[in-house]
């Protein structure tokens, strides 16, 4: 979307205002919800556009007055600066939107190179995301976890939800290989080791987003192998669902009942199928769309956590800060803001 479409958006906003005032609309809750959502989306755009029009009119007036009285020159210059800021803000608001920005997510964290140290780091990453979710007022729910011997995680999946959505907008940049440099708990000589964990962030798919034919699923039931209560090792409650056309598999054994595990596994499966479909579509799309942050390349190192220097570095945008302890405690906004800004600038450059 570009600024050339602004007149159409203003006309659409006026029509939405008319519909919002019509009592007949509110008789249909689904229609009212859709109209209200779109109205809210356009409200900020219209507000900035109107403020920009006012600033331009004021600037023209100040320039005319400055021709006769130089004391108005400073006001004219200040308004020109404000116009530039508003134009930039409007371009950002009109930049192409990620259709998944309002979705909740499923975050998968897998231990990689480094053995037990990698599993411990995966646990650190999980706590970081859980604390970030808490700071944002989001709800986080661990769907499936495979513990390691020393208290970390070999593999863990957590669903993160927000009232009104919007989690993907912030966490979509977290996917990739996260590298840690520190002295491991298993190191007796005090040497710094490097290990890594992989993070995959998937927009959570609703049933309407992904059509799954039950005949395409193979559902296997087996006995759980990890902690989870007195009955976990004595009943066949664990569920493995395989989507036969793609070979994509989702497993859940954390819950005590087959039904609960099946529901959780289906959530994971839908998210993975949606991500696979989006990746296939992105490969066929233009270079501009492929440049957007939408999929995870696990072979790419995206971030380094250096404990001796208390340093965090995101290699995609050259971001570096010396507050690693705060970041691991959930203070992720600095690095996420830097990634969001870089992504927006890339979108504007390609628009």
Protein backbone atom coordinates (compact mmCIF):
# COMPACT_ATOMS: atom_id res chain seq x y z
CA UNK A 1 0.00 0.00 0.00
CA UNK A 2 1.40 3.44 -0.87
CA UNK A 3 0.47 7.07 -0.25
CA UNK A 4 -1.27 7.16 -3.66
CA UNK A 5 -4.09 5.11 -2.09
CA UNK A 6 -4.73 7.68 0.68
CA UNK A 7 -7.82 9.27 -1.01
CA UNK A 8 -9.39 5.82 -1.30
CA UNK A 9 -8.66 5.12 2.37
CA UNK A 10 -10.23 8.43 3.42
CA UNK A 11 -13.34 7.60 1.38
CA UNK A 12 -13.44 4.12 2.94
CA UNK A 13 -13.12 5.63 6.43
CA UNK A 14 -16.07 7.97 5.77
CA UNK A 15 -18.16 5.02 4.61
CA UNK A 16 -17.18 3.03 7.72
CA UNK A 17 -18.23 5.93 9.93
CA UNK A 18 -21.62 5.94 8.20
CA UNK A 19 -22.00 2.17 8.69
CA UNK A 20 -20.94 2.35 12.35
CA UNK A 21 -23.79 4.80 12.99
CA UNK A 22 -26.34 2.48 11.38
CA UNK A 23 -28.19 0.42 14.06
CA UNK A 24 -28.83 -2.33 11.50
CA UNK A 25 -25.10 -3.15 11.41
CA UNK A 26 -25.01 -4.07 15.08
CA UNK A 27 -27.71 -6.68 14.61
CA UNK A 28 -25.03 -8.79 12.92
CA UNK A 29 -22.24 -9.22 15.47
CA UNK A 30 -19.76 -10.70 12.98
CA UNK A 31 -20.26 -7.86 10.51
CA UNK A 32 -20.07 -5.26 13.27
CA UNK A 33 -16.82 -6.81 14.52
CA UNK A 34 -15.24 -6.71 11.06
CA UNK A 35 -16.34 -3.12 10.42
CA UNK A 36 -15.13 -2.05 13.87
CA UNK A 37 -11.75 -3.71 13.34
CA UNK A 38 -11.21 -2.00 9.98
CA UNK A 39 -12.42 1.33 11.39
CA UNK A 40 -9.85 1.08 14.20
CA UNK A 41 -7.11 0.24 11.69
CA UNK A 42 -7.85 3.36 9.63
CA UNK A 43 -8.40 5.75 12.56
CA UNK A 44 -4.67 6.35 13.11
CA UNK A 45 -4.03 6.79 9.38
CA UNK A 46 -6.82 9.34 9.06
CA UNK A 47 -5.69 11.17 12.20
CA UNK A 48 -2.13 11.59 10.89
CA UNK A 49 -3.40 12.59 7.41
CA UNK A 50 -5.62 15.30 8.89
CA UNK A 51 -2.82 16.55 11.14
CA UNK A 52 -0.55 16.70 8.08
CA UNK A 53 -3.10 18.76 6.13
CA UNK A 54 -3.38 21.20 9.04
CA UNK A 55 0.40 21.50 9.36
CA UNK A 56 0.75 22.22 5.63
CA UNK A 57 -1.91 24.95 5.79
CA UNK A 58 -0.28 26.49 8.88
CA UNK A 59 3.14 26.36 7.22
CA UNK A 60 1.83 28.17 4.11
CA UNK A 61 0.31 30.86 6.31
CA UNK A 62 3.56 31.23 8.30
CA UNK A 63 5.59 31.55 5.09
CA UNK A 64 3.28 34.31 3.80
CA UNK A 65 3.55 36.18 7.11
CA UNK A 66 7.33 35.74 7.16
CA UNK A 67 7.60 37.69 3.90
CA UNK A 68 6.41 40.76 5.79
CA UNK A 69 7.60 39.93 9.31
CA UNK A 70 10.75 37.84 9.74
CA UNK A 71 9.69 36.85 13.26
CA UNK A 72 7.43 34.20 11.63
CA UNK A 73 10.39 32.54 9.87
CA UNK A 74 11.22 30.33 12.87
CA UNK A 75 7.59 29.15 13.11
CA UNK A 76 7.58 28.33 9.38
CA UNK A 77 10.80 26.33 9.76
CA UNK A 78 9.42 24.45 12.77
CA UNK A 79 6.27 23.56 10.83
CA UNK A 80 8.35 22.30 7.87
CA UNK A 81 10.18 19.98 10.26
CA UNK A 82 6.86 18.77 11.66
CA UNK A 83 5.53 18.17 8.14
CA UNK A 84 8.53 15.94 7.38
CA UNK A 85 7.92 13.92 10.55
CA UNK A 86 4.22 13.47 9.76
CA UNK A 87 4.95 12.47 6.16
CA UNK A 88 7.37 9.79 7.39
CA UNK A 89 4.84 8.53 9.94
CA UNK A 90 2.14 8.37 7.27
CA UNK A 91 4.44 6.41 4.93
CA UNK A 92 5.08 3.92 7.73
CA UNK A 93 1.35 3.54 8.42
CA UNK A 94 0.69 2.97 4.72
CA UNK A 95 3.54 0.48 4.26
CA UNK A 96 2.50 -3.08 3.30
CA UNK A 97 1.14 -4.88 6.33
CA UNK A 98 1.99 -8.41 7.39
CA UNK A 99 -1.38 -10.23 7.29
CA UNK A 100 -0.37 -12.27 10.35
CA UNK A 101 0.49 -9.28 12.57
CA UNK A 102 -2.67 -9.66 14.66
CA UNK A 103 -2.18 -13.40 15.28
CA UNK A 104 -1.02 -15.19 18.41
CA UNK A 105 2.03 -17.44 18.10
CA UNK A 106 3.57 -20.77 18.96
CA UNK A 107 7.27 -20.52 19.87
CA UNK A 108 9.41 -23.65 19.49
CA UNK A 109 12.85 -23.80 21.09
CA UNK A 110 15.22 -26.68 20.33
CA UNK A 111 18.63 -27.43 21.82
CA UNK A 112 21.34 -27.51 19.16
CA UNK A 113 25.10 -27.83 19.19
CA UNK A 114 26.58 -27.97 22.67
CA UNK A 115 24.87 -30.89 24.38
CA UNK A 116 23.59 -30.20 27.90
CA UNK A 117 24.82 -26.60 27.76
CA UNK A 118 22.63 -26.01 24.71
CA UNK A 119 19.64 -27.50 26.53
CA UNK A 120 20.29 -25.22 29.51
CA UNK A 121 20.45 -22.24 27.13
CA UNK A 122 17.14 -23.34 25.57
CA UNK A 123 15.71 -23.13 29.08
CA UNK A 124 17.14 -19.61 29.46
CA UNK A 125 15.47 -18.58 26.19
CA UNK A 126 12.16 -20.06 27.33
CA UNK A 127 12.30 -18.08 30.59
CA UNK A 128 13.20 -14.94 28.62
CA UNK A 129 10.12 -15.26 26.42
CA UNK A 130 7.87 -16.15 29.37
CA UNK A 131 9.04 -13.05 31.24
CA UNK A 132 8.64 -10.88 28.16
CA UNK A 133 5.09 -12.19 27.77
CA UNK A 134 4.42 -11.36 31.42
CA UNK A 135 5.72 -7.81 30.93
CA UNK A 136 3.40 -7.38 27.93
CA UNK A 137 0.37 -8.72 29.79
CA UNK A 138 0.18 -11.74 27.48
CA UNK A 139 -0.77 -15.29 28.41
CA UNK A 140 1.84 -18.02 27.84
CA UNK A 141 1.09 -21.75 27.92
CA UNK A 142 3.66 -24.54 27.56
CA UNK A 143 2.18 -27.04 25.10
CA UNK A 144 4.94 -29.66 25.03
CA UNK A 145 8.34 -29.98 26.68
CA UNK A 146 11.14 -32.55 26.59
CA UNK A 147 13.42 -32.01 29.59
CA UNK A 148 17.17 -32.53 29.65
CA UNK A 149 19.07 -34.25 32.44
CA UNK A 150 20.42 -31.02 34.00
CA UNK A 151 17.15 -29.08 34.01
CA UNK A 152 17.14 -27.51 30.55
CA UNK A 153 15.04 -28.42 27.54
CA UNK A 154 15.83 -30.51 24.50
CA UNK A 155 12.63 -29.26 22.88
CA UNK A 156 9.84 -27.03 24.15
CA UNK A 157 6.80 -25.41 22.54
CA UNK A 158 4.87 -22.56 24.12
CA UNK A 159 1.72 -20.77 22.92
CA UNK A 160 1.66 -17.02 23.52
CA UNK A 161 -1.65 -15.17 23.34
CA UNK A 162 -2.79 -11.59 23.82
CA UNK A 163 -6.24 -10.12 24.20
CA UNK A 164 -6.83 -8.66 20.78
CA UNK A 165 -3.85 -10.51 19.27
CA UNK A 166 -0.72 -8.80 18.01
CA UNK A 167 1.89 -11.20 19.41
CA UNK A 168 3.27 -12.11 15.95
CA UNK A 169 3.93 -8.42 15.28
CA UNK A 170 6.51 -8.42 18.09
CA UNK A 171 7.88 -11.97 18.21
CA UNK A 172 8.13 -12.83 14.49
CA UNK A 173 11.74 -11.60 14.41
CA UNK A 174 12.90 -14.11 17.05
CA UNK A 175 13.20 -17.07 14.67
CA UNK A 176 16.65 -18.42 13.85
CA UNK A 177 19.78 -19.70 15.56
CA UNK A 178 20.58 -18.06 18.91
CA UNK A 179 24.20 -18.47 20.01
CA UNK A 180 25.48 -18.27 23.58
CA UNK A 181 29.06 -17.68 24.75
CA UNK A 182 29.71 -18.44 28.43
CA UNK A 183 31.38 -20.80 30.87
CA UNK A 184 29.07 -23.84 31.01
CA UNK A 185 27.94 -25.34 34.29
CA UNK A 186 29.56 -28.58 33.06
CA UNK A 187 32.98 -26.92 32.48
CA UNK A 188 35.50 -27.53 35.28
CA UNK A 189 38.38 -25.51 33.76
CA UNK A 190 36.49 -22.19 33.50
CA UNK A 191 36.76 -22.02 29.71
CA UNK A 192 34.23 -20.10 27.64
CA UNK A 193 32.23 -22.34 25.30
CA UNK A 194 29.94 -21.51 22.40
CA UNK A 195 26.69 -23.37 21.90
CA UNK A 196 23.40 -22.68 20.18
CA UNK A 197 19.66 -23.22 20.26
CA UNK A 198 17.14 -22.88 17.46
CA UNK A 199 13.99 -20.78 17.78
CA UNK A 200 11.01 -21.11 15.45
CA UNK A 201 8.06 -18.71 15.74
CA UNK A 202 4.82 -19.73 14.05
CA UNK A 203 1.63 -17.67 13.75
CA UNK A 204 -1.06 -19.73 15.43
CA UNK A 205 -3.57 -20.88 12.87
CA UNK A 206 -7.31 -21.00 13.45
CA UNK A 207 -9.32 -23.83 11.93
CA UNK A 208 -10.52 -21.45 9.21
CA UNK A 209 -6.90 -20.65 8.25
CA UNK A 210 -5.93 -24.23 7.47
CA UNK A 211 -8.27 -26.83 5.99
CA UNK A 212 -7.31 -30.29 7.25
CA UNK A 213 -9.02 -33.38 5.89
CA UNK A 214 -9.34 -35.91 8.75
CA UNK A 215 -8.59 -38.64 6.23
CA UNK A 216 -5.14 -37.09 5.74
CA UNK A 217 -4.22 -37.64 9.40
CA UNK A 218 -2.64 -40.64 11.07
CA UNK A 219 -3.09 -40.51 14.83
CA UNK A 220 -0.90 -42.74 16.98
CA UNK A 221 -1.38 -43.24 20.71
CA UNK A 222 1.52 -44.24 22.92
CA UNK A 223 2.68 -44.22 26.53
CA UNK A 224 4.17 -40.95 27.77
CA UNK A 225 7.84 -41.04 28.70
CA UNK A 226 8.33 -37.89 30.79
CA UNK A 227 7.07 -36.26 33.99
CA UNK A 228 3.48 -35.18 34.22
CA UNK A 229 1.68 -36.87 37.08
CA UNK A 230 1.03 -40.30 38.54
CA UNK A 231 -0.76 -41.63 35.47
CA UNK A 232 1.62 -40.35 32.85
CA UNK A 233 3.69 -43.53 32.59
CA UNK A 234 0.83 -45.98 33.14
CA UNK A 235 -1.69 -44.97 30.47
CA UNK A 236 -1.49 -44.57 26.69
CA UNK A 237 -2.29 -40.85 26.65
CA UNK A 238 0.45 -39.39 24.43
CA UNK A 239 -0.59 -38.42 20.91
CA UNK A 240 1.38 -38.27 17.67
CA UNK A 241 -0.44 -36.77 14.66
CA UNK A 242 1.08 -37.13 11.19
CA UNK A 243 -0.22 -35.12 8.24
CA UNK A 244 0.26 -37.70 5.51
CA UNK A 245 0.39 -35.41 2.42
CA UNK A 246 3.24 -33.31 3.87
CA UNK A 247 4.81 -35.64 6.46
CA UNK A 248 4.54 -32.90 9.11
CA UNK A 249 4.30 -34.36 12.63
CA UNK A 250 3.05 -32.93 15.92
CA UNK A 251 3.45 -34.73 19.25
CA UNK A 252 1.99 -33.91 22.66
CA UNK A 253 2.31 -35.91 25.88
CA UNK A 254 2.23 -33.26 28.61
CA UNK A 255 -1.47 -33.58 29.46
CA UNK A 256 -3.04 -36.49 31.30
CA UNK A 257 -5.81 -37.24 28.83
CA UNK A 258 -5.72 -38.28 25.20
CA UNK A 259 -8.28 -35.60 24.33
CA UNK A 260 -6.21 -32.78 25.81
CA UNK A 261 -3.03 -34.01 24.13
CA UNK A 262 -4.86 -34.35 20.81
CA UNK A 263 -6.15 -30.76 21.03
CA UNK A 264 -2.68 -29.42 21.79
CA UNK A 265 -1.08 -31.48 19.02
CA UNK A 266 -3.67 -30.19 16.52
CA UNK A 267 -2.82 -26.59 17.48
CA UNK A 268 0.85 -27.26 16.78
CA UNK A 269 0.05 -29.09 13.54
CA UNK A 270 -2.16 -26.27 12.22
CA UNK A 271 0.56 -23.70 12.95
CA UNK A 272 3.20 -25.81 11.17
CA UNK A 273 0.97 -26.39 8.15
CA UNK A 274 0.20 -22.66 7.91
CA UNK A 275 3.91 -21.82 8.09
CA UNK A 276 4.71 -24.41 5.41
CA UNK A 277 2.00 -23.00 3.12
CA UNK A 278 3.26 -19.44 3.64
CA UNK A 279 6.84 -20.47 2.94
CA UNK A 280 5.79 -22.14 -0.32
CA UNK A 281 3.84 -19.02 -1.31
CA UNK A 282 6.78 -16.76 -0.43
CA UNK A 283 9.08 -18.75 -2.72
CA UNK A 284 6.77 -17.97 -5.62
CA UNK A 285 6.31 -14.32 -4.68
CA UNK A 286 8.35 -11.26 -5.64
CA UNK A 287 11.78 -10.42 -4.22
CA UNK A 288 10.16 -7.69 -2.13
CA UNK A 289 7.90 -10.13 -0.36
CA UNK A 290 10.66 -12.69 0.12
CA UNK A 291 12.66 -10.01 1.93
CA UNK A 292 10.04 -9.76 4.65
CA UNK A 293 10.67 -11.58 7.93
CA UNK A 294 8.22 -14.46 7.63
CA UNK A 295 10.15 -17.72 7.85
CA UNK A 296 13.05 -19.15 9.78
CA UNK A 297 16.32 -20.31 8.29
CA UNK A 298 17.83 -22.38 11.09
CA UNK A 299 21.23 -22.30 9.39
CA UNK A 300 21.43 -18.54 9.95
CA UNK A 301 22.83 -17.23 13.22
CA UNK A 302 20.64 -14.28 14.17
CA UNK A 303 21.80 -13.34 17.67
CA UNK A 304 24.66 -13.84 20.13
CA UNK A 305 24.39 -13.74 23.92
CA UNK A 306 27.86 -13.07 25.40
CA UNK A 307 27.84 -13.57 29.16
CA UNK A 308 31.41 -12.43 30.02
CA UNK A 309 30.72 -9.01 28.42
CA UNK A 310 27.02 -8.90 29.37
CA UNK A 311 26.50 -8.22 25.65
CA UNK A 312 23.68 -9.05 23.27
CA UNK A 313 24.19 -8.65 19.51
CA UNK A 314 21.63 -9.09 16.74
CA UNK A 315 23.58 -9.73 13.55
CA UNK A 316 20.75 -8.91 11.14
CA UNK A 317 20.65 -5.20 11.96
CA UNK A 318 23.97 -4.62 13.73
CA UNK A 319 22.28 -4.09 17.09
CA UNK A 320 24.52 -4.33 20.17
CA UNK A 321 23.71 -3.57 23.81
CA UNK A 322 25.39 -4.36 27.12
CA UNK A 323 22.32 -5.31 29.12
CA UNK A 324 22.19 -9.06 28.57
CA UNK A 325 21.07 -9.69 32.15
CA UNK A 326 18.04 -7.43 31.61
CA UNK A 327 17.24 -8.98 28.24
CA UNK A 328 17.22 -12.48 29.71
CA UNK A 329 14.86 -11.12 32.36
CA UNK A 330 12.39 -10.24 29.61
CA UNK A 331 13.49 -6.73 28.57
CA UNK A 332 13.39 -7.47 24.83
CA UNK A 333 11.85 -4.24 23.56
CA UNK A 334 15.16 -2.63 22.56
CA UNK A 335 16.26 -5.35 20.16
CA UNK A 336 12.71 -5.96 18.85
CA UNK A 337 12.24 -2.22 18.18
CA UNK A 338 15.51 -2.17 16.20
CA UNK A 339 14.37 -5.13 14.09
CA UNK A 340 10.91 -3.62 13.55
CA UNK A 341 12.43 -0.33 12.41
CA UNK A 342 14.78 -2.05 9.95
CA UNK A 343 11.94 -4.16 8.55
CA UNK A 344 9.71 -1.08 8.08
CA UNK A 345 12.49 0.81 6.33
CA UNK A 346 13.08 -2.14 3.98
CA UNK A 347 9.37 -2.30 3.18
CA UNK A 348 9.22 1.43 2.46
CA UNK A 349 12.28 1.20 0.22
CA UNK A 350 10.63 -1.58 -1.78
CA UNK A 351 7.14 -0.05 -1.90
